[in-house]
Amino acid sequence: RHVAPPGFSAEVMERVDSQPVKGFAFLPFFARFVKA
């Protein structure tokens, strides 16, 4: 068993929280139909 370095989980969670949340966006979906 290997132990993670101190602060590892806090650093991972900070990176996860800093990422923008991607949800359903109507614009890219609509843009495909506009192009067609």
PDB file of all heavy atoms in Angstrom:
ATOM      1  N   ARG A   1       0.853  -1.189   0.000  1.00  0.00           N
ATOM      2  CA  ARG A   1       0.000   0.000   0.000  1.00  0.00           C
ATOM      3  C   ARG A   1       0.885   1.234   0.000  1.00  0.00           C
ATOM      4  O   ARG A   1       1.895   1.307   0.688  1.00  0.00           O
ATOM      5  CB  ARG A   1      -0.912   0.011   1.214  1.00  0.00           C
ATOM      6  CG  ARG A   1      -1.863  -1.163   1.212  1.00  0.00           C
ATOM      7  CD  ARG A   1      -2.944  -0.979   2.253  1.00  0.00           C
ATOM      8  NE  ARG A   1      -3.807  -2.132   2.301  1.00  0.00           N
ATOM      9  CZ  ARG A   1      -4.943  -2.238   1.640  1.00  0.00           C
ATOM     10  NH1 ARG A   1      -5.357  -1.253   0.900  1.00  0.00           N
ATOM     11  NH2 ARG A   1      -5.661  -3.334   1.737  1.00  0.00           N
ATOM     12  N   HIS A   2       0.464   2.202  -0.783  1.00  0.00           N
ATOM     13  CA  HIS A   2       1.188   3.474  -0.859  1.00  0.00           C
ATOM     14  C   HIS A   2       0.292   4.576  -0.303  1.00  0.00           C
ATOM     15  O   HIS A   2      -0.904   4.611  -0.580  1.00  0.00           O
ATOM     16  CB  HIS A   2       1.559   3.801  -2.305  1.00  0.00           C
ATOM     17  CG  HIS A   2       2.519   2.818  -2.898  1.00  0.00           C
ATOM     18  ND1 HIS A   2       3.868   2.882  -2.676  1.00  0.00           N
ATOM     19  CD2 HIS A   2       2.317   1.717  -3.673  1.00  0.00           C
ATOM     20  CE1 HIS A   2       4.462   1.885  -3.303  1.00  0.00           C
ATOM     21  NE2 HIS A   2       3.542   1.158  -3.924  1.00  0.00           N
ATOM     22  N   VAL A   3       0.894   5.454   0.435  1.00  0.00           N
ATOM     23  CA  VAL A   3       0.143   6.549   1.033  1.00  0.00           C
ATOM     24  C   VAL A   3       0.328   7.781   0.152  1.00  0.00           C
ATOM     25  O   VAL A   3       1.446   8.098  -0.272  1.00  0.00           O
ATOM     26  CB  VAL A   3       0.652   6.824   2.466  1.00  0.00           C
ATOM     27  CG1 VAL A   3      -0.106   7.964   3.097  1.00  0.00           C
ATOM     28  CG2 VAL A   3       0.524   5.571   3.307  1.00  0.00           C
ATOM     29  N   ALA A   4      -0.760   8.474  -0.096  1.00  0.00           N
ATOM     30  CA  ALA A   4      -0.696   9.698  -0.893  1.00  0.00           C
ATOM     31  C   ALA A   4       0.006  10.780  -0.087  1.00  0.00           C
ATOM     32  O   ALA A   4      -0.077  10.815   1.143  1.00  0.00           O
ATOM     33  CB  ALA A   4      -2.105  10.152  -1.264  1.00  0.00           C
ATOM     34  N   PRO A   5       0.718  11.682  -0.777  1.00  0.00           N
ATOM     35  CA  PRO A   5       1.410  12.752  -0.055  1.00  0.00           C
ATOM     36  C   PRO A   5       0.402  13.683   0.636  1.00  0.00           C
ATOM     37  O   PRO A   5      -0.759  13.762   0.225  1.00  0.00           O
ATOM     38  CB  PRO A   5       2.180  13.495  -1.156  1.00  0.00           C
ATOM     39  CG  PRO A   5       1.596  13.048  -2.440  1.00  0.00           C
ATOM     40  CD  PRO A   5       0.937  11.749  -2.210  1.00  0.00           C
ATOM     41  N   PRO A   6       0.854  14.382   1.659  1.00  0.00           N
ATOM     42  CA  PRO A   6      -0.053  15.290   2.378  1.00  0.00           C
ATOM     43  C   PRO A   6      -0.619  16.354   1.434  1.00  0.00           C
ATOM     44  O   PRO A   6       0.079  16.904   0.592  1.00  0.00           O
ATOM     45  CB  PRO A   6       0.831  15.940   3.446  1.00  0.00           C
ATOM     46  CG  PRO A   6       2.037  15.076   3.549  1.00  0.00           C
ATOM     47  CD  PRO A   6       2.192  14.371   2.247  1.00  0.00           C
ATOM     48  N   GLY A   7      -1.895  16.605   1.566  1.00  0.00           N
ATOM     49  CA  GLY A   7      -2.550  17.632   0.757  1.00  0.00           C
ATOM     50  C   GLY A   7      -2.948  17.174  -0.635  1.00  0.00           C
ATOM     51  O   GLY A   7      -3.435  17.968  -1.438  1.00  0.00           O
ATOM     52  N   PHE A   8      -2.735  15.891  -0.940  1.00  0.00           N
ATOM     53  CA  PHE A   8      -3.041  15.388  -2.282  1.00  0.00           C
ATOM     54  C   PHE A   8      -4.527  15.506  -2.599  1.00  0.00           C
ATOM     55  O   PHE A   8      -4.909  16.021  -3.647  1.00  0.00           O
ATOM     56  CB  PHE A   8      -2.582  13.933  -2.409  1.00  0.00           C
ATOM     57  CG  PHE A   8      -2.899  13.314  -3.730  1.00  0.00           C
ATOM     58  CD1 PHE A   8      -2.143  13.623  -4.853  1.00  0.00           C
ATOM     59  CD2 PHE A   8      -3.962  12.432  -3.866  1.00  0.00           C
ATOM     60  CE1 PHE A   8      -2.435  13.057  -6.080  1.00  0.00           C
ATOM     61  CE2 PHE A   8      -4.258  11.861  -5.084  1.00  0.00           C
ATOM     62  CZ  PHE A   8      -3.504  12.172  -6.203  1.00  0.00           C
ATOM     63  N   SER A   9      -5.367  15.032  -1.704  1.00  0.00           N
ATOM     64  CA  SER A   9      -6.813  15.071  -1.974  1.00  0.00           C
ATOM     65  C   SER A   9      -7.319  16.507  -2.041  1.00  0.00           C
ATOM     66  O   SER A   9      -8.192  16.821  -2.855  1.00  0.00           O
ATOM     67  CB  SER A   9      -7.584  14.273  -0.923  1.00  0.00           C
ATOM     68  OG  SER A   9      -7.364  14.824   0.364  1.00  0.00           O
ATOM     69  N   ALA A  10      -6.775  17.404  -1.219  1.00  0.00           N
ATOM     70  CA  ALA A  10      -7.194  18.815  -1.271  1.00  0.00           C
ATOM     71  C   ALA A  10      -6.809  19.430  -2.612  1.00  0.00           C
ATOM     72  O   ALA A  10      -7.583  20.197  -3.207  1.00  0.00           O
ATOM     73  CB  ALA A  10      -6.561  19.600  -0.123  1.00  0.00           C
ATOM     74  N   GLU A  11      -5.620  19.089  -3.114  1.00  0.00           N
ATOM     75  CA  GLU A  11      -5.174  19.619  -4.403  1.00  0.00           C
ATOM     76  C   GLU A  11      -6.040  19.092  -5.549  1.00  0.00           C
ATOM     77  O   GLU A  11      -6.415  19.836  -6.459  1.00  0.00           O
ATOM     78  CB  GLU A  11      -3.710  19.237  -4.635  1.00  0.00           C
ATOM     79  CG  GLU A  11      -3.119  19.821  -5.894  1.00  0.00           C
ATOM     80  CD  GLU A  11      -1.659  19.441  -6.083  1.00  0.00           C
ATOM     81  OE1 GLU A  11      -0.950  19.249  -5.075  1.00  0.00           O
ATOM     82  OE2 GLU A  11      -1.246  19.331  -7.251  1.00  0.00           O
ATOM     83  N   VAL A  12      -6.386  17.813  -5.500  1.00  0.00           N
ATOM     84  CA  VAL A  12      -7.242  17.231  -6.535  1.00  0.00           C
ATOM     85  C   VAL A  12      -8.612  17.895  -6.518  1.00  0.00           C
ATOM     86  O   VAL A  12      -9.150  18.281  -7.571  1.00  0.00           O
ATOM     87  CB  VAL A  12      -7.363  15.701  -6.347  1.00  0.00           C
ATOM     88  CG1 VAL A  12      -8.460  15.123  -7.225  1.00  0.00           C
ATOM     89  CG2 VAL A  12      -6.037  15.033  -6.643  1.00  0.00           C
ATOM     90  N   MET A  13      -9.188  18.057  -5.333  1.00  0.00           N
ATOM     91  CA  MET A  13     -10.509  18.675  -5.232  1.00  0.00           C
ATOM     92  C   MET A  13     -10.478  20.130  -5.685  1.00  0.00           C
ATOM     93  O   MET A  13     -11.426  20.625  -6.292  1.00  0.00           O
ATOM     94  CB  MET A  13     -11.046  18.561  -3.803  1.00  0.00           C
ATOM     95  CG  MET A  13     -11.375  17.134  -3.401  1.00  0.00           C
ATOM     96  SD  MET A  13     -12.422  16.240  -4.578  1.00  0.00           S
ATOM     97  CE  MET A  13     -13.905  17.180  -4.511  1.00  0.00           C
ATOM     98  N   GLU A  14      -9.380  20.827  -5.411  1.00  0.00           N
ATOM     99  CA  GLU A  14      -9.249  22.219  -5.867  1.00  0.00           C
ATOM    100  C   GLU A  14      -9.229  22.284  -7.393  1.00  0.00           C
ATOM    101  O   GLU A  14      -9.860  23.141  -7.994  1.00  0.00           O
ATOM    102  CB  GLU A  14      -7.971  22.822  -5.286  1.00  0.00           C
ATOM    103  CG  GLU A  14      -7.781  24.286  -5.635  1.00  0.00           C
ATOM    104  CD  GLU A  14      -6.499  24.842  -5.028  1.00  0.00           C
ATOM    105  OE1 GLU A  14      -6.168  24.485  -3.881  1.00  0.00           O
ATOM    106  OE2 GLU A  14      -5.824  25.627  -5.737  1.00  0.00           O
ATOM    107  N   ARG A  15      -8.523  21.350  -8.016  1.00  0.00           N
ATOM    108  CA  ARG A  15      -8.496  21.310  -9.485  1.00  0.00           C
ATOM    109  C   ARG A  15      -9.865  20.978 -10.063  1.00  0.00           C
ATOM    110  O   ARG A  15     -10.271  21.534 -11.067  1.00  0.00           O
ATOM    111  CB  ARG A  15      -7.471  20.288  -9.972  1.00  0.00           C
ATOM    112  CG  ARG A  15      -6.058  20.726  -9.811  1.00  0.00           C
ATOM    113  CD  ARG A  15      -5.115  19.719 -10.422  1.00  0.00           C
ATOM    114  NE  ARG A  15      -3.741  20.076 -10.194  1.00  0.00           N
ATOM    115  CZ  ARG A  15      -2.714  19.368 -10.607  1.00  0.00           C
ATOM    116  NH1 ARG A  15      -2.919  18.237 -11.259  1.00  0.00           N
ATOM    117  NH2 ARG A  15      -1.491  19.757 -10.367  1.00  0.00           N
ATOM    118  N   VAL A  16     -10.557  20.062  -9.418  1.00  0.00           N
ATOM    119  CA  VAL A  16     -11.896  19.700  -9.888  1.00  0.00           C
ATOM    120  C   VAL A  16     -12.835  20.890  -9.772  1.00  0.00           C
ATOM    121  O   VAL A  16     -13.611  21.182 -10.681  1.00  0.00           O
ATOM    122  CB  VAL A  16     -12.433  18.488  -9.081  1.00  0.00           C
ATOM    123  CG1 VAL A  16     -13.917  18.277  -9.331  1.00  0.00           C
ATOM    124  CG2 VAL A  16     -11.656  17.241  -9.424  1.00  0.00           C
ATOM    125  N   ASP A  17     -12.762  21.606  -8.657  1.00  0.00           N
ATOM    126  CA  ASP A  17     -13.634  22.761  -8.454  1.00  0.00           C
ATOM    127  C   ASP A  17     -13.310  23.910  -9.394  1.00  0.00           C
ATOM    128  O   ASP A  17     -14.187  24.707  -9.730  1.00  0.00           O
ATOM    129  CB  ASP A  17     -13.543  23.252  -7.005  1.00  0.00           C
ATOM    130  CG  ASP A  17     -14.196  22.278  -6.034  1.00  0.00           C
ATOM    131  OD1 ASP A  17     -15.043  21.470  -6.490  1.00  0.00           O
ATOM    132  OD2 ASP A  17     -13.845  22.315  -4.833  1.00  0.00           O
ATOM    133  N   SER A  18     -12.054  24.011  -9.843  1.00  0.00           N
ATOM    134  CA  SER A  18     -11.680  25.118 -10.728  1.00  0.00           C
ATOM    135  C   SER A  18     -12.102  24.886 -12.181  1.00  0.00           C
ATOM    136  O   SER A  18     -12.131  25.816 -12.974  1.00  0.00           O
ATOM    137  CB  SER A  18     -10.165  25.362 -10.672  1.00  0.00           C
ATOM    138  OG  SER A  18      -9.474  24.272 -11.264  1.00  0.00           O
ATOM    139  N   GLN A  19     -12.446  23.641 -12.516  1.00  0.00           N
ATOM    140  CA  GLN A  19     -12.877  23.335 -13.880  1.00  0.00           C
ATOM    141  C   GLN A  19     -14.297  23.848 -14.092  1.00  0.00           C
ATOM    142  O   GLN A  19     -15.134  23.723 -13.212  1.00  0.00           O
ATOM    143  CB  GLN A  19     -12.842  21.822 -14.136  1.00  0.00           C
ATOM    144  CG  GLN A  19     -11.469  21.217 -14.071  1.00  0.00           C
ATOM    145  CD  GLN A  19     -10.574  21.702 -15.183  1.00  0.00           C
ATOM    146  OE1 GLN A  19     -11.016  21.853 -16.308  1.00  0.00           O
ATOM    147  NE2 GLN A  19      -9.328  21.969 -14.861  1.00  0.00           N
ATOM    148  N   PRO A  20     -14.564  24.440 -15.268  1.00  0.00           N
ATOM    149  CA  PRO A  20     -15.931  24.910 -15.517  1.00  0.00           C
ATOM    150  C   PRO A  20     -16.890  23.727 -15.647  1.00  0.00           C
ATOM    151  O   PRO A  20     -16.531  22.674 -16.156  1.00  0.00           O
ATOM    152  CB  PRO A  20     -15.813  25.664 -16.846  1.00  0.00           C
ATOM    153  CG  PRO A  20     -14.580  25.129 -17.492  1.00  0.00           C
ATOM    154  CD  PRO A  20     -13.664  24.697 -16.379  1.00  0.00           C
ATOM    155  N   VAL A  21     -18.075  23.932 -15.171  1.00  0.00           N
ATOM    156  CA  VAL A  21     -19.094  22.897 -15.221  1.00  0.00           C
ATOM    157  C   VAL A  21     -19.701  22.900 -16.611  1.00  0.00           C
ATOM    158  O   VAL A  21     -20.146  23.934 -17.104  1.00  0.00           O
ATOM    159  CB  VAL A  21     -20.194  23.145 -14.169  1.00  0.00           C
ATOM    160  CG1 VAL A  21     -21.280  22.098 -14.282  1.00  0.00           C
ATOM    161  CG2 VAL A  21     -19.591  23.163 -12.784  1.00  0.00           C
ATOM    162  N   LYS A  22     -19.679  21.740 -17.243  1.00  0.00           N
ATOM    163  CA  LYS A  22     -20.255  21.621 -18.576  1.00  0.00           C
ATOM    164  C   LYS A  22     -21.617  20.975 -18.467  1.00  0.00           C
ATOM    165  O   LYS A  22     -21.756  19.897 -17.931  1.00  0.00           O
ATOM    166  CB  LYS A  22     -19.352  20.789 -19.494  1.00  0.00           C
ATOM    167  CG  LYS A  22     -18.059  21.461 -19.829  1.00  0.00           C
ATOM    168  CD  LYS A  22     -17.273  20.644 -20.820  1.00  0.00           C
ATOM    169  CE  LYS A  22     -15.998  21.354 -21.199  1.00  0.00           C
ATOM    170  NZ  LYS A  22     -15.235  20.606 -22.177  1.00  0.00           N
ATOM    171  N   GLY A  23     -22.586  21.649 -18.988  1.00  0.00           N
ATOM    172  CA  GLY A  23     -23.933  21.114 -19.014  1.00  0.00           C
ATOM    173  C   GLY A  23     -24.425  21.133 -20.448  1.00  0.00           C
ATOM    174  O   GLY A  23     -23.672  21.372 -21.398  1.00  0.00           O
ATOM    175  N   PHE A  24     -25.690  20.924 -20.628  1.00  0.00           N
ATOM    176  CA  PHE A  24     -26.261  20.963 -21.967  1.00  0.00           C
ATOM    177  C   PHE A  24     -26.308  22.400 -22.440  1.00  0.00           C
ATOM    178  O   PHE A  24     -26.858  23.268 -21.772  1.00  0.00           O
ATOM    179  CB  PHE A  24     -27.667  20.360 -21.982  1.00  0.00           C
ATOM    180  CG  PHE A  24     -28.313  20.445 -23.331  1.00  0.00           C
ATOM    181  CD1 PHE A  24     -27.920  19.586 -24.328  1.00  0.00           C
ATOM    182  CD2 PHE A  24     -29.286  21.388 -23.597  1.00  0.00           C
ATOM    183  CE1 PHE A  24     -28.499  19.654 -25.581  1.00  0.00           C
ATOM    184  CE2 PHE A  24     -29.870  21.459 -24.841  1.00  0.00           C
ATOM    185  CZ  PHE A  24     -29.482  20.588 -25.838  1.00  0.00           C
ATOM    186  N   ALA A  25     -25.716  22.661 -23.556  1.00  0.00           N
ATOM    187  CA  ALA A  25     -25.741  24.002 -24.137  1.00  0.00           C
ATOM    188  C   ALA A  25     -26.557  23.952 -25.425  1.00  0.00           C
ATOM    189  O   ALA A  25     -26.312  23.127 -26.295  1.00  0.00           O
ATOM    190  CB  ALA A  25     -24.325  24.481 -24.420  1.00  0.00           C
ATOM    191  N   PHE A  26     -27.510  24.820 -25.513  1.00  0.00           N
ATOM    192  CA  PHE A  26     -28.396  24.836 -26.668  1.00  0.00           C
ATOM    193  C   PHE A  26     -27.686  25.375 -27.899  1.00  0.00           C
ATOM    194  O   PHE A  26     -27.943  24.928 -29.012  1.00  0.00           O
ATOM    195  CB  PHE A  26     -29.629  25.694 -26.352  1.00  0.00           C
ATOM    196  CG  PHE A  26     -30.631  25.720 -27.472  1.00  0.00           C
ATOM    197  CD1 PHE A  26     -31.370  24.597 -27.777  1.00  0.00           C
ATOM    198  CD2 PHE A  26     -30.818  26.856 -28.230  1.00  0.00           C
ATOM    199  CE1 PHE A  26     -32.290  24.605 -28.801  1.00  0.00           C
ATOM    200  CE2 PHE A  26     -31.725  26.879 -29.265  1.00  0.00           C
ATOM    201  CZ  PHE A  26     -32.465  25.757 -29.545  1.00  0.00           C
ATOM    202  N   LEU A  27     -26.750  26.318 -27.709  1.00  0.00           N
ATOM    203  CA  LEU A  27     -26.110  26.977 -28.850  1.00  0.00           C
ATOM    204  C   LEU A  27     -25.333  26.018 -29.750  1.00  0.00           C
ATOM    205  O   LEU A  27     -25.530  26.032 -30.961  1.00  0.00           O
ATOM    206  CB  LEU A  27     -25.219  28.120 -28.365  1.00  0.00           C
ATOM    207  CG  LEU A  27     -24.670  29.034 -29.444  1.00  0.00           C
ATOM    208  CD1 LEU A  27     -25.813  29.663 -30.237  1.00  0.00           C
ATOM    209  CD2 LEU A  27     -23.822  30.116 -28.831  1.00  0.00           C
ATOM    210  N   PRO A  28     -24.435  25.146 -29.234  1.00  0.00           N
ATOM    211  CA  PRO A  28     -23.739  24.231 -30.149  1.00  0.00           C
ATOM    212  C   PRO A  28     -24.687  23.284 -30.875  1.00  0.00           C
ATOM    213  O   PRO A  28     -24.479  22.961 -32.035  1.00  0.00           O
ATOM    214  CB  PRO A  28     -22.797  23.445 -29.236  1.00  0.00           C
ATOM    215  CG  PRO A  28     -22.617  24.288 -28.041  1.00  0.00           C
ATOM    216  CD  PRO A  28     -23.898  25.058 -27.883  1.00  0.00           C
ATOM    217  N   PHE A  29     -25.728  22.850 -30.189  1.00  0.00           N
ATOM    218  CA  PHE A  29     -26.710  21.961 -30.796  1.00  0.00           C
ATOM    219  C   PHE A  29     -27.440  22.688 -31.921  1.00  0.00           C
ATOM    220  O   PHE A  29     -27.626  22.162 -33.012  1.00  0.00           O
ATOM    221  CB  PHE A  29     -27.694  21.500 -29.711  1.00  0.00           C
ATOM    222  CG  PHE A  29     -28.713  20.530 -30.188  1.00  0.00           C
ATOM    223  CD1 PHE A  29     -28.351  19.235 -30.504  1.00  0.00           C
ATOM    224  CD2 PHE A  29     -30.035  20.897 -30.306  1.00  0.00           C
ATOM    225  CE1 PHE A  29     -29.293  18.321 -30.937  1.00  0.00           C
ATOM    226  CE2 PHE A  29     -30.985  20.001 -30.736  1.00  0.00           C
ATOM    227  CZ  PHE A  29     -30.615  18.715 -31.055  1.00  0.00           C
ATOM    228  N   PHE A  30     -27.832  23.922 -31.679  1.00  0.00           N
ATOM    229  CA  PHE A  30     -28.543  24.735 -32.664  1.00  0.00           C
ATOM    230  C   PHE A  30     -27.628  25.120 -33.826  1.00  0.00           C
ATOM    231  O   PHE A  30     -28.055  25.188 -34.971  1.00  0.00           O
ATOM    232  CB  PHE A  30     -29.093  25.992 -31.974  1.00  0.00           C
ATOM    233  CG  PHE A  30     -29.876  26.890 -32.877  1.00  0.00           C
ATOM    234  CD1 PHE A  30     -31.105  26.486 -33.368  1.00  0.00           C
ATOM    235  CD2 PHE A  30     -29.390  28.126 -33.238  1.00  0.00           C
ATOM    236  CE1 PHE A  30     -31.841  27.308 -34.205  1.00  0.00           C
ATOM    237  CE2 PHE A  30     -30.110  28.958 -34.069  1.00  0.00           C
ATOM    238  CZ  PHE A  30     -31.346  28.552 -34.550  1.00  0.00           C
ATOM    239  N   ALA A  31     -26.334  25.341 -33.532  1.00  0.00           N
ATOM    240  CA  ALA A  31     -25.386  25.754 -34.571  1.00  0.00           C
ATOM    241  C   ALA A  31     -25.246  24.698 -35.657  1.00  0.00           C
ATOM    242  O   ALA A  31     -25.053  25.030 -36.833  1.00  0.00           O
ATOM    243  CB  ALA A  31     -24.022  26.045 -33.947  1.00  0.00           C
ATOM    244  N   ARG A  32     -25.356  23.454 -35.317  1.00  0.00           N
ATOM    245  CA  ARG A  32     -25.271  22.389 -36.331  1.00  0.00           C
ATOM    246  C   ARG A  32     -26.406  22.509 -37.337  1.00  0.00           C
ATOM    247  O   ARG A  32     -26.212  22.359 -38.530  1.00  0.00           O
ATOM    248  CB  ARG A  32     -25.322  21.019 -35.673  1.00  0.00           C
ATOM    249  CG  ARG A  32     -24.085  20.697 -34.887  1.00  0.00           C
ATOM    250  CD  ARG A  32     -24.179  19.323 -34.296  1.00  0.00           C
ATOM    251  NE  ARG A  32     -23.001  19.044 -33.484  1.00  0.00           N
ATOM    252  CZ  ARG A  32     -22.894  18.031 -32.679  1.00  0.00           C
ATOM    253  NH1 ARG A  32     -23.883  17.176 -32.564  1.00  0.00           N
ATOM    254  NH2 ARG A  32     -21.805  17.841 -31.978  1.00  0.00           N
ATOM    255  N   PHE A  33     -27.594  22.783 -36.842  1.00  0.00           N
ATOM    256  CA  PHE A  33     -28.734  22.921 -37.739  1.00  0.00           C
ATOM    257  C   PHE A  33     -28.619  24.184 -38.586  1.00  0.00           C
ATOM    258  O   PHE A  33     -29.014  24.190 -39.747  1.00  0.00           O
ATOM    259  CB  PHE A  33     -30.052  22.918 -36.948  1.00  0.00           C
ATOM    260  CG  PHE A  33     -30.383  21.572 -36.395  1.00  0.00           C
ATOM    261  CD1 PHE A  33     -30.291  21.326 -35.039  1.00  0.00           C
ATOM    262  CD2 PHE A  33     -30.768  20.537 -37.232  1.00  0.00           C
ATOM    263  CE1 PHE A  33     -30.597  20.082 -34.527  1.00  0.00           C
ATOM    264  CE2 PHE A  33     -31.069  19.294 -36.736  1.00  0.00           C
ATOM    265  CZ  PHE A  33     -30.978  19.059 -35.376  1.00  0.00           C
ATOM    266  N   VAL A  34     -28.072  25.238 -38.016  1.00  0.00           N
ATOM    267  CA  VAL A  34     -27.886  26.473 -38.776  1.00  0.00           C
ATOM    268  C   VAL A  34     -26.893  26.239 -39.904  1.00  0.00           C
ATOM    269  O   VAL A  34     -27.110  26.668 -41.044  1.00  0.00           O
ATOM    270  CB  VAL A  34     -27.424  27.623 -37.850  1.00  0.00           C
ATOM    271  CG1 VAL A  34     -26.990  28.831 -38.642  1.00  0.00           C
ATOM    272  CG2 VAL A  34     -28.544  27.998 -36.881  1.00  0.00           C
ATOM    273  N   LYS A  35     -25.800  25.549 -39.626  1.00  0.00           N
ATOM    274  CA  LYS A  35     -24.803  25.256 -40.662  1.00  0.00           C
ATOM    275  C   LYS A  35     -25.416  24.435 -41.789  1.00  0.00           C
ATOM    276  O   LYS A  35     -25.175  24.701 -42.962  1.00  0.00           O
ATOM    277  CB  LYS A  35     -23.613  24.511 -40.060  1.00  0.00           C
ATOM    278  CG  LYS A  35     -22.727  25.351 -39.199  1.00  0.00           C
ATOM    279  CD  LYS A  35     -21.607  24.506 -38.604  1.00  0.00           C
ATOM    280  CE  LYS A  35     -20.792  25.296 -37.606  1.00  0.00           C
ATOM    281  NZ  LYS A  35     -19.758  24.478 -36.972  1.00  0.00           N
ATOM    282  N   ALA A  36     -26.188  23.441 -41.431  1.00  0.00           N
ATOM    283  CA  ALA A  36     -26.826  22.602 -42.450  1.00  0.00           C
ATOM    284  C   ALA A  36     -27.810  23.431 -43.275  1.00  0.00           C
ATOM    285  O   ALA A  36     -27.888  23.287 -44.498  1.00  0.00           O
ATOM    286  CB  ALA A  36     -27.541  21.421 -41.801  1.00  0.00           C
TER     287      ALA A  36
END
